[in-house]
C-alpha cells in the first residue's frame, strides 16, 4: 500500500508541476471549502441546522441559548425556526443593532436582548467598526484596508464576563448552549465563562480573519476545549467533521464555523 501511495504521489507531483498557478489557487479554494474551511460562514442556516441535529442526537429537551454577538438577530431567528421552544438571551453592544434586536423580537416572549459585550473582564471599552450596527464590529480596531474598508466608526460600550452577568442578572438561569461570534474575541468570552461552561453542552463559534487582528490561533481553541472535555467539529458540506488531533493545517483564517460538543 505504501508503494502505491508513493507512486501516486510522484504522479500527482508531476501533474501539479505542470498545472498553472491560477488553477492551483482555484483547486486550493475548492478543496479547502470541501473541508469546511471558509464554507458556511455566509449563512446561518447551516450553522443552526448542525446545532439542531446535535440537540436531537443528544436528546436535549429544554434549550436556553446565548447568542453572543447578536448583531441584527439573524442567527437567533434561524435557530428559533429550527427549535421554536428554545429560550434565547442575545448580547449585543452596538446601540443601533441592539435597538434593531428589540424591535425585531418584540413579540417573541422567549427572546431577551442585553446591551453589553461579553469578554474576560468587566470594563468600559471601545467598539470599532466600519459603520453603526455593522456585522464586522469588534473590540479590536481591525486592519482592513486590503478590502477597502475603513474602521473609523467608534462607540463606547460596557463589557462584562458572562459569569459576572449571570451572577448579577441571570436570575438562576443555566444556559446549555452558546453561539459566539464577536469578531476575534471569542476566546475572551469563553475565558470569562468559567462557571457557566460547566452547564453548557454545545458551543458554536467562528474563527477567521479577525483572529489575525487579535493574534489568536486555532491551537488556542483546541487546547482550551480539550482541557474542558469537549470534542471539536468543523462545519463542512459533508456535515460536521470531527477534528481528532490538532494540526497546523487547521490554522486557516478563512471565516469558518466550529461546534464544540461536550463528550
C-alpha atoms as a PDB file:
ATOM      1  CA  UNK A   1       0.000   0.000   0.000  1.00  0.00           C
ATOM      2  CA  UNK A   2       2.843   2.379   0.873  1.00  0.00           C
ATOM      3  CA  UNK A   3       4.496   1.771  -2.532  1.00  0.00           C
ATOM      4  CA  UNK A   4       1.204   2.565  -4.297  1.00  0.00           C
ATOM      5  CA  UNK A   5       0.844   5.789  -2.317  1.00  0.00           C
ATOM      6  CA  UNK A   6       4.433   6.710  -3.158  1.00  0.00           C
ATOM      7  CA  UNK A   7       3.847   6.113  -6.869  1.00  0.00           C
ATOM      8  CA  UNK A   8       0.591   8.089  -6.861  1.00  0.00           C
ATOM      9  CA  UNK A   9       2.365  10.873  -5.004  1.00  0.00           C
ATOM     10  CA  UNK A  10       5.055  11.085  -7.685  1.00  0.00           C
ATOM     11  CA  UNK A  11       2.466  11.126 -10.469  1.00  0.00           C
ATOM     12  CA  UNK A  12       0.421  13.803  -8.696  1.00  0.00           C
ATOM     13  CA  UNK A  13       3.548  15.909  -8.160  1.00  0.00           C
ATOM     14  CA  UNK A  14       4.355  15.788 -11.883  1.00  0.00           C
ATOM     15  CA  UNK A  15       0.792  16.818 -12.749  1.00  0.00           C
ATOM     16  CA  UNK A  16       0.815  19.685 -10.242  1.00  0.00           C
ATOM     17  CA  UNK A  17       4.187  20.908 -11.509  1.00  0.00           C
ATOM     18  CA  UNK A  18       2.558  21.407 -14.904  1.00  0.00           C
ATOM     19  CA  UNK A  19      -0.626  22.992 -13.569  1.00  0.00           C
ATOM     20  CA  UNK A  20      -0.989  26.799 -13.967  1.00  0.00           C
ATOM     21  CA  UNK A  21      -0.763  28.745 -10.718  1.00  0.00           C
ATOM     22  CA  UNK A  22      -4.234  30.237 -11.157  1.00  0.00           C
ATOM     23  CA  UNK A  23      -5.728  26.749 -11.470  1.00  0.00           C
ATOM     24  CA  UNK A  24      -3.846  25.597  -8.367  1.00  0.00           C
ATOM     25  CA  UNK A  25      -5.341  28.501  -6.423  1.00  0.00           C
ATOM     26  CA  UNK A  26      -8.798  27.573  -7.720  1.00  0.00           C
ATOM     27  CA  UNK A  27      -8.272  23.936  -6.677  1.00  0.00           C
ATOM     28  CA  UNK A  28      -6.980  25.022  -3.272  1.00  0.00           C
ATOM     29  CA  UNK A  29     -10.082  27.122  -2.711  1.00  0.00           C
ATOM     30  CA  UNK A  30     -12.428  24.273  -3.650  1.00  0.00           C
ATOM     31  CA  UNK A  31     -10.582  21.676  -1.570  1.00  0.00           C
ATOM     32  CA  UNK A  32     -10.488  23.921   1.500  1.00  0.00           C
ATOM     33  CA  UNK A  33     -14.192  24.683   1.161  1.00  0.00           C
ATOM     34  CA  UNK A  34     -14.984  20.969   0.934  1.00  0.00           C
ATOM     35  CA  UNK A  35     -13.084  20.535   4.205  1.00  0.00           C
ATOM     36  CA  UNK A  36     -15.214  23.268   5.747  1.00  0.00           C
ATOM     37  CA  UNK A  37     -12.503  25.920   5.700  1.00  0.00           C
ATOM     38  CA  UNK A  38     -14.293  29.109   4.700  1.00  0.00           C
ATOM     39  CA  UNK A  39     -17.515  27.236   3.975  1.00  0.00           C
ATOM     40  CA  UNK A  40     -20.881  28.027   5.514  1.00  0.00           C
ATOM     41  CA  UNK A  41     -19.830  31.272   7.185  1.00  0.00           C
ATOM     42  CA  UNK A  42     -22.106  33.345   4.985  1.00  0.00           C
ATOM     43  CA  UNK A  43     -25.361  31.776   6.114  1.00  0.00           C
ATOM     44  CA  UNK A  44     -26.894  30.986   9.469  1.00  0.00           C
ATOM     45  CA  UNK A  45     -28.933  28.098   8.071  1.00  0.00           C
ATOM     46  CA  UNK A  46     -26.076  25.579   8.015  1.00  0.00           C
ATOM     47  CA  UNK A  47     -24.907  26.642  11.476  1.00  0.00           C
ATOM     48  CA  UNK A  48     -28.285  26.327  13.153  1.00  0.00           C
ATOM     49  CA  UNK A  49     -29.134  23.081  11.324  1.00  0.00           C
ATOM     50  CA  UNK A  50     -25.938  21.441  12.617  1.00  0.00           C
ATOM     51  CA  UNK A  51     -26.663  22.567  16.166  1.00  0.00           C
ATOM     52  CA  UNK A  52     -30.273  21.378  15.933  1.00  0.00           C
ATOM     53  CA  UNK A  53     -29.026  17.973  14.778  1.00  0.00           C
ATOM     54  CA  UNK A  54     -26.683  17.721  17.774  1.00  0.00           C
ATOM     55  CA  UNK A  55     -29.519  18.738  20.106  1.00  0.00           C
ATOM     56  CA  UNK A  56     -31.751  15.993  18.742  1.00  0.00           C
ATOM     57  CA  UNK A  57     -28.978  13.391  18.823  1.00  0.00           C
ATOM     58  CA  UNK A  58     -28.209  14.206  22.461  1.00  0.00           C
ATOM     59  CA  UNK A  59     -31.930  14.337  23.312  1.00  0.00           C
ATOM     60  CA  UNK A  60     -31.703  17.770  24.951  1.00  0.00           C
ATOM     61  CA  UNK A  61     -35.287  18.811  25.567  1.00  0.00           C
ATOM     62  CA  UNK A  62     -35.011  22.262  27.155  1.00  0.00           C
ATOM     63  CA  UNK A  63     -32.774  24.797  25.430  1.00  0.00           C
ATOM     64  CA  UNK A  64     -31.550  28.029  26.983  1.00  0.00           C
ATOM     65  CA  UNK A  65     -29.261  29.519  24.340  1.00  0.00           C
ATOM     66  CA  UNK A  66     -26.925  32.511  24.441  1.00  0.00           C
ATOM     67  CA  UNK A  67     -26.453  34.464  21.221  1.00  0.00           C
ATOM     68  CA  UNK A  68     -23.208  36.293  21.981  1.00  0.00           C
ATOM     69  CA  UNK A  69     -22.733  38.907  19.304  1.00  0.00           C
ATOM     70  CA  UNK A  70     -26.390  39.035  18.319  1.00  0.00           C
ATOM     71  CA  UNK A  71     -25.956  41.844  15.768  1.00  0.00           C
ATOM     72  CA  UNK A  72     -29.262  42.073  13.830  1.00  0.00           C
ATOM     73  CA  UNK A  73     -30.617  38.739  15.070  1.00  0.00           C
ATOM     74  CA  UNK A  74     -30.224  36.532  12.004  1.00  0.00           C
ATOM     75  CA  UNK A  75     -28.773  33.606  13.955  1.00  0.00           C
ATOM     76  CA  UNK A  76     -31.466  33.813  16.651  1.00  0.00           C
ATOM     77  CA  UNK A  77     -34.233  33.930  14.045  1.00  0.00           C
ATOM     78  CA  UNK A  78     -32.832  30.910  12.173  1.00  0.00           C
ATOM     79  CA  UNK A  79     -32.351  28.967  15.399  1.00  0.00           C
ATOM     80  CA  UNK A  80     -35.899  29.645  16.579  1.00  0.00           C
ATOM     81  CA  UNK A  81     -37.200  28.352  13.255  1.00  0.00           C
ATOM     82  CA  UNK A  82     -35.496  25.024  13.954  1.00  0.00           C
ATOM     83  CA  UNK A  83     -36.040  24.893  17.728  1.00  0.00           C
ATOM     84  CA  UNK A  84     -39.178  27.025  18.388  1.00  0.00           C
ATOM     85  CA  UNK A  85     -39.273  26.039  22.060  1.00  0.00           C
ATOM     86  CA  UNK A  86     -35.802  27.471  22.772  1.00  0.00           C
ATOM     87  CA  UNK A  87     -35.213  30.436  25.050  1.00  0.00           C
ATOM     88  CA  UNK A  88     -32.599  32.876  23.757  1.00  0.00           C
ATOM     89  CA  UNK A  89     -30.628  35.597  25.500  1.00  0.00           C
ATOM     90  CA  UNK A  90     -28.749  37.768  22.995  1.00  0.00           C
ATOM     91  CA  UNK A  91     -25.837  40.042  23.906  1.00  0.00           C
ATOM     92  CA  UNK A  92     -25.183  42.955  21.550  1.00  0.00           C
ATOM     93  CA  UNK A  93     -23.091  46.042  22.476  1.00  0.00           C
ATOM     94  CA  UNK A  94     -23.900  48.230  19.459  1.00  0.00           C
ATOM     95  CA  UNK A  95     -26.691  50.623  20.419  1.00  0.00           C
ATOM     96  CA  UNK A  96     -28.230  50.653  16.945  1.00  0.00           C
ATOM     97  CA  UNK A  97     -28.026  46.876  16.486  1.00  0.00           C
ATOM     98  CA  UNK A  98     -29.481  46.401  19.972  1.00  0.00           C
ATOM     99  CA  UNK A  99     -32.420  48.652  19.098  1.00  0.00           C
ATOM    100  CA  UNK A 100     -32.986  46.617  15.946  1.00  0.00           C
ATOM    101  CA  UNK A 101     -32.981  43.401  18.006  1.00  0.00           C
ATOM    102  CA  UNK A 102     -35.566  44.791  20.393  1.00  0.00           C
ATOM    103  CA  UNK A 103     -37.873  45.749  17.537  1.00  0.00           C
ATOM    104  CA  UNK A 104     -37.376  42.524  15.583  1.00  0.00           C
ATOM    105  CA  UNK A 105     -38.172  40.231  18.511  1.00  0.00           C
ATOM    106  CA  UNK A 106     -40.602  42.469  20.372  1.00  0.00           C
ATOM    107  CA  UNK A 107     -43.370  39.876  20.140  1.00  0.00           C
ATOM    108  CA  UNK A 108     -41.186  36.851  20.908  1.00  0.00           C
ATOM    109  CA  UNK A 109     -41.563  36.143  24.620  1.00  0.00           C
ATOM    110  CA  UNK A 110     -38.760  33.576  24.640  1.00  0.00           C
ATOM    111  CA  UNK A 111     -36.223  36.157  23.395  1.00  0.00           C
ATOM    112  CA  UNK A 112     -34.322  38.638  25.544  1.00  0.00           C
ATOM    113  CA  UNK A 113     -31.543  41.030  24.492  1.00  0.00           C
ATOM    114  CA  UNK A 114     -28.848  42.670  26.606  1.00  0.00           C
ATOM    115  CA  UNK A 115     -26.973  45.794  25.510  1.00  0.00           C
ATOM    116  CA  UNK A 116     -23.434  44.809  26.540  1.00  0.00           C
ATOM    117  CA  UNK A 117     -20.453  42.923  25.158  1.00  0.00           C
ATOM    118  CA  UNK A 118     -19.142  39.782  26.834  1.00  0.00           C
ATOM    119  CA  UNK A 119     -15.445  39.288  27.470  1.00  0.00           C
ATOM    120  CA  UNK A 120     -12.880  38.118  30.012  1.00  0.00           C
ATOM    121  CA  UNK A 121     -13.165  41.155  32.318  1.00  0.00           C
ATOM    122  CA  UNK A 122     -15.628  43.808  33.464  1.00  0.00           C
ATOM    123  CA  UNK A 123     -14.828  47.215  31.969  1.00  0.00           C
ATOM    124  CA  UNK A 124     -15.756  50.007  29.582  1.00  0.00           C
ATOM    125  CA  UNK A 125     -14.305  49.685  26.097  1.00  0.00           C
ATOM    126  CA  UNK A 126     -14.425  50.989  22.542  1.00  0.00           C
ATOM    127  CA  UNK A 127     -16.307  49.138  19.829  1.00  0.00           C
ATOM    128  CA  UNK A 128     -14.686  49.666  16.425  1.00  0.00           C
ATOM    129  CA  UNK A 129     -16.483  49.223  13.103  1.00  0.00           C
ATOM    130  CA  UNK A 130     -16.847  50.453   9.561  1.00  0.00           C
ATOM    131  CA  UNK A 131     -20.343  51.760  10.362  1.00  0.00           C
ATOM    132  CA  UNK A 132     -23.038  51.650  13.021  1.00  0.00           C
ATOM    133  CA  UNK A 133     -24.638  48.225  13.627  1.00  0.00           C
ATOM    134  CA  UNK A 134     -22.016  46.583  11.415  1.00  0.00           C
ATOM    135  CA  UNK A 135     -21.569  42.829  11.486  1.00  0.00           C
ATOM    136  CA  UNK A 136     -17.806  43.496  11.418  1.00  0.00           C
ATOM    137  CA  UNK A 137     -17.793  45.426  14.718  1.00  0.00           C
ATOM    138  CA  UNK A 138     -15.012  44.346  17.063  1.00  0.00           C
ATOM    139  CA  UNK A 139     -13.271  45.350  20.276  1.00  0.00           C
ATOM    140  CA  UNK A 140     -10.124  45.440  18.157  1.00  0.00           C
ATOM    141  CA  UNK A 141      -9.540  48.136  15.558  1.00  0.00           C
ATOM    142  CA  UNK A 142      -9.071  45.830  12.609  1.00  0.00           C
ATOM    143  CA  UNK A 143      -6.760  46.458   9.631  1.00  0.00           C
ATOM    144  CA  UNK A 144      -8.978  46.014   6.586  1.00  0.00           C
ATOM    145  CA  UNK A 145      -7.566  48.439   4.040  1.00  0.00           C
ATOM    146  CA  UNK A 146      -6.846  45.479   1.743  1.00  0.00           C
ATOM    147  CA  UNK A 147     -10.645  45.179   1.489  1.00  0.00           C
ATOM    148  CA  UNK A 148     -11.063  48.966   1.137  1.00  0.00           C
ATOM    149  CA  UNK A 149     -12.863  49.001   4.494  1.00  0.00           C
ATOM    150  CA  UNK A 150     -12.206  51.852   6.912  1.00  0.00           C
ATOM    151  CA  UNK A 151     -12.658  51.052  10.602  1.00  0.00           C
ATOM    152  CA  UNK A 152     -13.304  54.680  11.547  1.00  0.00           C
ATOM    153  CA  UNK A 153     -16.561  54.241  13.485  1.00  0.00           C
ATOM    154  CA  UNK A 154     -16.239  54.107  17.292  1.00  0.00           C
ATOM    155  CA  UNK A 155     -18.688  53.610  20.134  1.00  0.00           C
ATOM    156  CA  UNK A 156     -18.184  53.426  23.893  1.00  0.00           C
ATOM    157  CA  UNK A 157     -19.660  50.232  25.348  1.00  0.00           C
ATOM    158  CA  UNK A 158     -19.796  48.113  28.502  1.00  0.00           C
ATOM    159  CA  UNK A 159     -18.092  44.735  28.754  1.00  0.00           C
ATOM    160  CA  UNK A 160     -18.883  42.039  31.313  1.00  0.00           C
ATOM    161  CA  UNK A 161     -17.851  38.457  31.847  1.00  0.00           C
ATOM    162  CA  UNK A 162     -20.673  36.001  31.356  1.00  0.00           C
ATOM    163  CA  UNK A 163     -20.136  34.655  34.868  1.00  0.00           C
ATOM    164  CA  UNK A 164     -20.496  38.143  36.327  1.00  0.00           C
ATOM    165  CA  UNK A 165     -23.639  38.872  34.320  1.00  0.00           C
ATOM    166  CA  UNK A 166     -25.276  35.582  35.268  1.00  0.00           C
ATOM    167  CA  UNK A 167     -24.421  36.114  38.920  1.00  0.00           C
ATOM    168  CA  UNK A 168     -25.966  39.592  38.990  1.00  0.00           C
ATOM    169  CA  UNK A 169     -28.702  39.399  36.358  1.00  0.00           C
ATOM    170  CA  UNK A 170     -29.222  35.784  35.425  1.00  0.00           C
ATOM    171  CA  UNK A 171     -31.929  35.007  37.957  1.00  0.00           C
ATOM    172  CA  UNK A 172     -30.637  31.420  38.312  1.00  0.00           C
ATOM    173  CA  UNK A 173     -30.514  30.946  34.539  1.00  0.00           C
ATOM    174  CA  UNK A 174     -28.396  27.980  33.481  1.00  0.00           C
ATOM    175  CA  UNK A 175     -27.728  28.215  29.728  1.00  0.00           C
ATOM    176  CA  UNK A 176     -26.799  24.973  27.984  1.00  0.00           C
ATOM    177  CA  UNK A 177     -25.922  26.312  24.520  1.00  0.00           C
ATOM    178  CA  UNK A 178     -23.809  29.208  23.242  1.00  0.00           C
ATOM    179  CA  UNK A 179     -23.239  30.787  19.876  1.00  0.00           C
ATOM    180  CA  UNK A 180     -20.250  33.165  19.929  1.00  0.00           C
ATOM    181  CA  UNK A 181     -19.452  35.446  17.002  1.00  0.00           C
ATOM    182  CA  UNK A 182     -17.649  38.524  18.306  1.00  0.00           C
ATOM    183  CA  UNK A 183     -15.081  39.194  15.591  1.00  0.00           C
ATOM    184  CA  UNK A 184     -11.892  37.758  17.060  1.00  0.00           C
ATOM    185  CA  UNK A 185     -12.702  37.934  20.781  1.00  0.00           C
ATOM    186  CA  UNK A 186     -14.443  34.569  21.083  1.00  0.00           C
ATOM    187  CA  UNK A 187     -11.717  33.130  23.297  1.00  0.00           C
ATOM    188  CA  UNK A 188     -12.053  36.034  25.741  1.00  0.00           C
ATOM    189  CA  UNK A 189     -15.797  35.380  26.005  1.00  0.00           C
ATOM    190  CA  UNK A 190     -15.121  31.731  26.806  1.00  0.00           C
ATOM    191  CA  UNK A 191     -12.458  32.584  29.382  1.00  0.00           C
ATOM    192  CA  UNK A 192     -14.953  34.841  31.130  1.00  0.00           C
ATOM    193  CA  UNK A 193     -17.462  31.997  31.388  1.00  0.00           C
ATOM    194  CA  UNK A 194     -15.634  29.526  33.640  1.00  0.00           C
ATOM    195  CA  UNK A 195     -18.666  28.740  35.792  1.00  0.00           C
ATOM    196  CA  UNK A 196     -21.245  28.949  33.007  1.00  0.00           C
ATOM    197  CA  UNK A 197     -19.361  26.459  30.832  1.00  0.00           C
ATOM    198  CA  UNK A 198     -19.875  23.742  33.446  1.00  0.00           C
ATOM    199  CA  UNK A 199     -23.520  23.506  32.318  1.00  0.00           C
ATOM    200  CA  UNK A 200     -23.087  24.152  28.603  1.00  0.00           C
ATOM    201  CA  UNK A 201     -23.348  21.225  26.190  1.00  0.00           C
ATOM    202  CA  UNK A 202     -22.811  22.894  22.803  1.00  0.00           C
ATOM    203  CA  UNK A 203     -20.804  25.932  21.720  1.00  0.00           C
ATOM    204  CA  UNK A 204     -20.753  27.292  18.183  1.00  0.00           C
ATOM    205  CA  UNK A 205     -18.027  29.801  17.371  1.00  0.00           C
ATOM    206  CA  UNK A 206     -16.461  31.415  14.341  1.00  0.00           C
ATOM    207  CA  UNK A 207     -12.750  31.552  13.551  1.00  0.00           C
ATOM    208  CA  UNK A 208     -11.272  33.541  10.685  1.00  0.00           C
ATOM    209  CA  UNK A 209      -9.571  36.719   9.551  1.00  0.00           C
ATOM    210  CA  UNK A 210     -10.490  38.580  12.721  1.00  0.00           C
ATOM    211  CA  UNK A 211      -8.177  36.261  14.632  1.00  0.00           C
ATOM    212  CA  UNK A 212      -5.255  37.687  12.676  1.00  0.00           C
ATOM    213  CA  UNK A 213      -6.025  41.086  14.213  1.00  0.00           C
ATOM    214  CA  UNK A 214      -6.463  39.666  17.733  1.00  0.00           C
ATOM    215  CA  UNK A 215      -3.445  37.338  17.402  1.00  0.00           C
ATOM    216  CA  UNK A 216      -5.333  34.234  18.484  1.00  0.00           C
ATOM    217  CA  UNK A 217      -4.962  30.867  16.819  1.00  0.00           C
ATOM    218  CA  UNK A 218      -6.943  27.696  16.365  1.00  0.00           C
ATOM    219  CA  UNK A 219      -4.419  25.987  18.607  1.00  0.00           C
ATOM    220  CA  UNK A 220      -5.618  28.211  21.475  1.00  0.00           C
ATOM    221  CA  UNK A 221      -9.177  26.970  20.996  1.00  0.00           C
ATOM    222  CA  UNK A 222      -8.114  23.364  20.513  1.00  0.00           C
ATOM    223  CA  UNK A 223      -6.353  23.137  23.888  1.00  0.00           C
ATOM    224  CA  UNK A 224      -8.986  25.232  25.631  1.00  0.00           C
ATOM    225  CA  UNK A 225     -11.743  22.806  24.688  1.00  0.00           C
ATOM    226  CA  UNK A 226      -9.554  19.734  25.137  1.00  0.00           C
ATOM    227  CA  UNK A 227      -8.947  20.643  28.766  1.00  0.00           C
ATOM    228  CA  UNK A 228     -12.690  21.178  29.325  1.00  0.00           C
ATOM    229  CA  UNK A 229     -13.631  17.828  27.799  1.00  0.00           C
ATOM    230  CA  UNK A 230     -15.198  18.952  24.509  1.00  0.00           C
ATOM    231  CA  UNK A 231     -14.908  17.470  21.024  1.00  0.00           C
ATOM    232  CA  UNK A 232     -14.404  19.981  18.214  1.00  0.00           C
ATOM    233  CA  UNK A 233     -16.219  19.781  14.886  1.00  0.00           C
ATOM    234  CA  UNK A 234     -15.725  21.951  11.798  1.00  0.00           C
ATOM    235  CA  UNK A 235     -18.828  22.558   9.685  1.00  0.00           C
ATOM    236  CA  UNK A 236     -18.494  21.393   6.078  1.00  0.00           C
ATOM    237  CA  UNK A 237     -20.609  20.438   3.031  1.00  0.00           C
ATOM    238  CA  UNK A 238     -20.349  16.838   4.318  1.00  0.00           C
ATOM    239  CA  UNK A 239     -21.683  17.853   7.695  1.00  0.00           C
ATOM    240  CA  UNK A 240     -19.725  18.420  10.925  1.00  0.00           C
ATOM    241  CA  UNK A 241     -16.193  16.983  10.658  1.00  0.00           C
ATOM    242  CA  UNK A 242     -14.639  15.774  13.924  1.00  0.00           C
ATOM    243  CA  UNK A 243     -11.145  17.183  14.411  1.00  0.00           C
ATOM    244  CA  UNK A 244      -9.442  14.336  16.262  1.00  0.00           C
ATOM    245  CA  UNK A 245      -5.984  15.881  16.541  1.00  0.00           C
ATOM    246  CA  UNK A 246      -4.582  19.387  16.223  1.00  0.00           C
ATOM    247  CA  UNK A 247      -2.650  20.186  13.063  1.00  0.00           C
ATOM    248  CA  UNK A 248      -1.077  23.376  11.762  1.00  0.00           C
ATOM    249  CA  UNK A 249      -3.197  22.805   8.658  1.00  0.00           C
ATOM    250  CA  UNK A 250      -6.156  23.871  10.805  1.00  0.00           C
ATOM    251  CA  UNK A 251      -4.727  27.380  11.078  1.00  0.00           C
ATOM    252  CA  UNK A 252      -6.816  28.744   8.241  1.00  0.00           C
ATOM    253  CA  UNK A 253      -8.096  32.298   8.535  1.00  0.00           C
ATOM    254  CA  UNK A 254     -10.966  31.975   6.104  1.00  0.00           C
ATOM    255  CA  UNK A 255     -14.191  32.528   8.106  1.00  0.00           C
ATOM    256  CA  UNK A 256     -15.060  29.076   9.416  1.00  0.00           C
ATOM    257  CA  UNK A 257     -17.621  27.766  11.895  1.00  0.00           C
ATOM    258  CA  UNK A 258     -16.903  25.226  14.608  1.00  0.00           C
ATOM    259  CA  UNK A 259     -19.055  23.444  17.149  1.00  0.00           C
ATOM    260  CA  UNK A 260     -17.654  22.268  20.485  1.00  0.00           C
ATOM    261  CA  UNK A 261     -19.611  19.331  21.885  1.00  0.00           C
ATOM    262  CA  UNK A 262     -19.235  18.089  25.438  1.00  0.00           C
ATOM    263  CA  UNK A 263     -18.027  14.485  25.495  1.00  0.00           C
END
